[in-house]
């Protein structure tokens, strides 16, 4: 049990890493600044904060793709808020992002190439052929279905809060961001490992080494 808890904590640490502040701080600065000053200063402040985070990551030789990816999103979001003269417009990209993910995940299920498998392949570099095995793919298909359900829930909440008005957006956007994502990923990991064991397929290394059954199965990573 302690080994599994340690494993989950390591997975959580990987997800959190240094990316959380990249996603949370700029929108928080934007909303707080806009409440006391104006949209122009709020937009410039959010962009500058995102840029500074990216530069710090670069100087410390830390991964900065999330920071600069976040900078692009902040620029787009700030532009929307500035040109529409509506602070709430800053959070439109989050709603669009949820919508796009739902569409992609749903399409991946229709073509029987689940998004969860693609995400794991891109993250871990495991061979795609392993994911498409009949004794492996069902686990990733079911996790992708979970993702669609959770994302639909998030999108519904985001649209509802957006329609309520600006005062509800700050903390709701933060809570529906990384905390929501971390929860989904942890549930996916726990369920995915359990489901792979039930399916009885080979582990990634066993597949690479072309081992014959009986297999030990995938013990770590999903």
Protein backbone atom coordinates (compact mmCIF):
# COMPACT_ATOMS: atom_id res chain seq x y z
CA UNK A 1 0.00 0.00 0.00
CA UNK A 2 2.80 2.40 0.93
CA UNK A 3 4.51 1.66 -2.40
CA UNK A 4 1.32 2.54 -4.31
CA UNK A 5 0.89 5.78 -2.34
CA UNK A 6 4.51 6.70 -3.08
CA UNK A 7 3.89 5.95 -6.75
CA UNK A 8 0.82 8.19 -6.81
CA UNK A 9 2.70 10.99 -5.07
CA UNK A 10 5.46 10.76 -7.67
CA UNK A 11 2.88 10.94 -10.46
CA UNK A 12 1.28 13.94 -8.74
CA UNK A 13 4.67 15.61 -8.38
CA UNK A 14 5.27 15.10 -12.08
CA UNK A 15 1.94 16.70 -12.93
CA UNK A 16 2.39 19.63 -10.57
CA UNK A 17 6.13 20.20 -11.12
CA UNK A 18 6.68 23.91 -11.77
CA UNK A 19 3.81 24.42 -14.21
CA UNK A 20 1.08 25.29 -11.71
CA UNK A 21 2.14 28.88 -11.10
CA UNK A 22 2.49 29.38 -14.86
CA UNK A 23 -1.22 28.65 -15.26
CA UNK A 24 -2.59 30.25 -12.09
CA UNK A 25 -0.67 33.50 -11.50
CA UNK A 26 -1.32 35.47 -14.74
CA UNK A 27 -5.15 35.17 -14.64
CA UNK A 28 -5.13 35.90 -10.90
CA UNK A 29 -3.06 39.06 -11.50
CA UNK A 30 -5.39 40.06 -14.34
CA UNK A 31 -8.59 39.85 -12.30
CA UNK A 32 -7.15 41.46 -9.17
CA UNK A 33 -5.64 44.32 -11.19
CA UNK A 34 -8.78 44.89 -13.24
CA UNK A 35 -10.83 45.19 -10.05
CA UNK A 36 -8.71 48.08 -8.78
CA UNK A 37 -7.41 49.70 -11.98
CA UNK A 38 -8.50 49.21 -15.58
CA UNK A 39 -8.45 46.65 -18.39
CA UNK A 40 -5.37 48.10 -20.08
CA UNK A 41 -3.22 47.89 -16.94
CA UNK A 42 -4.69 44.47 -16.09
CA UNK A 43 -3.85 43.11 -19.56
CA UNK A 44 -0.31 44.50 -19.53
CA UNK A 45 0.25 43.20 -15.98
CA UNK A 46 -0.88 39.67 -16.85
CA UNK A 47 1.32 39.59 -19.96
CA UNK A 48 4.35 40.92 -18.07
CA UNK A 49 3.91 38.39 -15.25
CA UNK A 50 3.65 35.54 -17.75
CA UNK A 51 6.73 36.84 -19.59
CA UNK A 52 8.75 37.15 -16.37
CA UNK A 53 7.85 33.56 -15.39
CA UNK A 54 9.04 32.37 -18.79
CA UNK A 55 12.33 34.27 -18.50
CA UNK A 56 12.93 32.91 -14.98
CA UNK A 57 12.32 29.35 -16.24
CA UNK A 58 14.76 30.01 -19.09
CA UNK A 59 17.48 31.43 -16.81
CA UNK A 60 17.12 28.51 -14.39
CA UNK A 61 17.21 26.08 -17.33
CA UNK A 62 13.79 24.76 -16.35
CA UNK A 63 11.17 23.65 -18.91
CA UNK A 64 9.64 26.86 -20.18
CA UNK A 65 7.31 25.60 -22.90
CA UNK A 66 4.34 25.82 -20.52
CA UNK A 67 5.28 29.33 -19.47
CA UNK A 68 5.60 30.62 -23.03
CA UNK A 69 2.58 28.61 -24.13
CA UNK A 70 0.75 30.29 -21.28
CA UNK A 71 2.09 33.67 -22.45
CA UNK A 72 0.45 33.19 -25.85
CA UNK A 73 -2.85 32.27 -24.18
CA UNK A 74 -2.58 35.29 -21.85
CA UNK A 75 -1.96 37.61 -24.83
CA UNK A 76 -5.02 36.23 -26.66
CA UNK A 77 -7.19 36.34 -23.53
CA UNK A 78 -6.06 39.86 -22.62
CA UNK A 79 -6.74 41.05 -26.16
CA UNK A 80 -10.26 39.64 -26.01
CA UNK A 81 -10.92 41.38 -22.69
CA UNK A 82 -9.42 44.67 -23.91
CA UNK A 83 -11.24 44.88 -27.26
CA UNK A 84 -14.60 43.73 -25.87
CA UNK A 85 -14.16 46.00 -22.82
CA UNK A 86 -15.33 43.07 -20.69
CA UNK A 87 -13.16 41.42 -18.02
CA UNK A 88 -15.11 38.18 -18.33
CA UNK A 89 -13.87 37.79 -21.92
CA UNK A 90 -10.42 36.99 -20.50
CA UNK A 91 -11.73 33.52 -19.63
CA UNK A 92 -13.21 32.70 -23.04
CA UNK A 93 -10.04 30.77 -24.09
CA UNK A 94 -10.57 28.39 -21.13
CA UNK A 95 -14.08 27.66 -22.37
CA UNK A 96 -12.83 27.19 -25.93
CA UNK A 97 -10.06 24.89 -24.67
CA UNK A 98 -12.57 22.65 -22.88
CA UNK A 99 -14.77 22.53 -26.00
CA UNK A 100 -11.86 21.60 -28.28
CA UNK A 101 -10.69 18.85 -25.91
CA UNK A 102 -14.19 17.36 -25.79
CA UNK A 103 -14.39 17.32 -29.59
CA UNK A 104 -10.94 15.75 -29.97
CA UNK A 105 -11.61 13.12 -27.27
CA UNK A 106 -14.98 12.24 -28.81
CA UNK A 107 -13.52 11.94 -32.31
CA UNK A 108 -10.73 9.72 -30.97
CA UNK A 109 -13.38 7.37 -29.55
CA UNK A 110 -15.30 7.31 -32.83
CA UNK A 111 -12.19 6.28 -34.81
CA UNK A 112 -11.25 3.83 -32.01
CA UNK A 113 -7.92 5.52 -31.27
CA UNK A 114 -8.57 6.89 -27.76
CA UNK A 115 -7.06 10.22 -26.80
CA UNK A 116 -5.73 8.83 -23.49
CA UNK A 117 -3.51 6.45 -25.46
CA UNK A 118 -2.17 9.27 -27.65
CA UNK A 119 -1.51 11.41 -24.57
CA UNK A 120 0.39 8.60 -22.87
CA UNK A 121 2.34 7.83 -26.06
CA UNK A 122 3.43 11.46 -26.45
CA UNK A 123 4.28 11.80 -22.74
CA UNK A 124 6.08 8.50 -22.16
CA UNK A 125 7.26 7.55 -25.64
CA UNK A 126 5.83 4.05 -25.49
CA UNK A 127 5.20 2.31 -28.86
CA UNK A 128 1.78 2.99 -30.35
CA UNK A 129 1.40 -0.65 -31.32
CA UNK A 130 1.20 -1.57 -27.63
CA UNK A 131 -1.67 0.83 -27.02
CA UNK A 132 -3.73 -0.61 -29.88
CA UNK A 133 -3.67 -4.22 -28.61
CA UNK A 134 -7.10 -5.68 -27.80
CA UNK A 135 -5.91 -6.49 -24.27
CA UNK A 136 -4.64 -2.92 -23.71
CA UNK A 137 -6.80 -0.46 -25.66
CA UNK A 138 -10.05 -0.93 -23.65
CA UNK A 139 -8.37 0.64 -20.59
CA UNK A 140 -7.44 3.77 -22.57
CA UNK A 141 -10.84 3.89 -24.27
CA UNK A 142 -12.65 3.81 -20.92
CA UNK A 143 -10.35 6.49 -19.45
CA UNK A 144 -11.02 8.67 -22.49
CA UNK A 145 -14.76 8.27 -21.87
CA UNK A 146 -14.13 9.47 -18.29
CA UNK A 147 -12.30 12.47 -19.70
CA UNK A 148 -15.23 13.39 -21.95
CA UNK A 149 -17.66 13.16 -19.02
CA UNK A 150 -15.45 15.25 -16.71
CA UNK A 151 -14.70 17.81 -19.42
CA UNK A 152 -18.41 18.18 -20.19
CA UNK A 153 -19.00 18.81 -16.48
CA UNK A 154 -16.24 21.43 -16.43
CA UNK A 155 -17.50 23.13 -19.58
CA UNK A 156 -21.04 23.29 -18.18
CA UNK A 157 -19.76 24.87 -14.95
CA UNK A 158 -17.49 27.29 -16.85
CA UNK A 159 -20.34 28.53 -19.07
CA UNK A 160 -22.69 28.83 -16.09
CA UNK A 161 -20.16 30.86 -14.07
CA UNK A 162 -19.26 32.97 -17.11
CA UNK A 163 -22.92 33.92 -17.51
CA UNK A 164 -23.17 34.83 -13.81
CA UNK A 165 -20.64 37.60 -14.25
CA UNK A 166 -17.11 38.75 -13.60
CA UNK A 167 -17.06 38.52 -9.80
CA UNK A 168 -17.35 34.71 -9.89
CA UNK A 169 -14.57 34.05 -12.38
CA UNK A 170 -11.30 34.35 -10.48
CA UNK A 171 -11.37 31.44 -8.05
CA UNK A 172 -13.67 29.30 -10.16
CA UNK A 173 -11.23 29.51 -13.08
CA UNK A 174 -8.35 28.50 -10.80
CA UNK A 175 -10.26 25.61 -9.20
CA UNK A 176 -11.43 24.35 -12.58
CA UNK A 177 -7.86 24.51 -13.86
CA UNK A 178 -5.03 22.53 -12.30
CA UNK A 179 -6.93 21.09 -9.28
CA UNK A 180 -9.58 19.76 -11.65
CA UNK A 181 -6.96 18.41 -14.07
CA UNK A 182 -4.95 16.76 -11.29
CA UNK A 183 -8.07 15.03 -9.98
CA UNK A 184 -8.88 13.65 -13.43
CA UNK A 185 -5.31 12.45 -14.00
CA UNK A 186 -5.07 10.70 -10.62
CA UNK A 187 -8.40 8.93 -11.13
CA UNK A 188 -7.30 7.97 -14.64
CA UNK A 189 -4.01 6.57 -13.35
CA UNK A 190 -5.57 4.52 -10.54
CA UNK A 191 -8.33 3.14 -12.75
CA UNK A 192 -6.02 2.62 -15.73
CA UNK A 193 -3.47 0.50 -13.85
CA UNK A 194 -6.28 -1.58 -12.31
CA UNK A 195 -7.96 -2.08 -15.70
CA UNK A 196 -4.74 -3.09 -17.45
CA UNK A 197 -4.19 -5.74 -14.80
CA UNK A 198 -7.73 -7.08 -15.36
CA UNK A 199 -7.24 -7.16 -19.12
CA UNK A 200 -4.16 -9.35 -18.69
CA UNK A 201 -2.08 -7.89 -21.49
CA UNK A 202 1.71 -7.53 -21.53
CA UNK A 203 3.56 -4.66 -19.91
CA UNK A 204 5.33 -2.21 -22.20
CA UNK A 205 8.75 -3.76 -21.62
CA UNK A 206 7.36 -7.26 -22.12
CA UNK A 207 5.84 -6.09 -25.40
CA UNK A 208 9.11 -4.53 -26.53
CA UNK A 209 10.99 -7.73 -25.71
CA UNK A 210 8.34 -9.77 -27.50
CA UNK A 211 7.82 -12.00 -24.47
CA UNK A 212 5.25 -14.78 -24.58
CA UNK A 213 2.43 -15.18 -22.04
CA UNK A 214 1.88 -15.50 -19.18
CA UNK A 215 2.75 -11.83 -18.67
CA UNK A 216 3.30 -9.89 -15.50
CA UNK A 217 1.50 -6.94 -17.07
CA UNK A 218 1.99 -3.20 -16.68
CA UNK A 219 2.97 -2.44 -13.10
CA UNK A 220 3.98 1.20 -13.32
CA UNK A 221 2.81 4.03 -15.51
CA UNK A 222 -0.33 4.38 -17.62
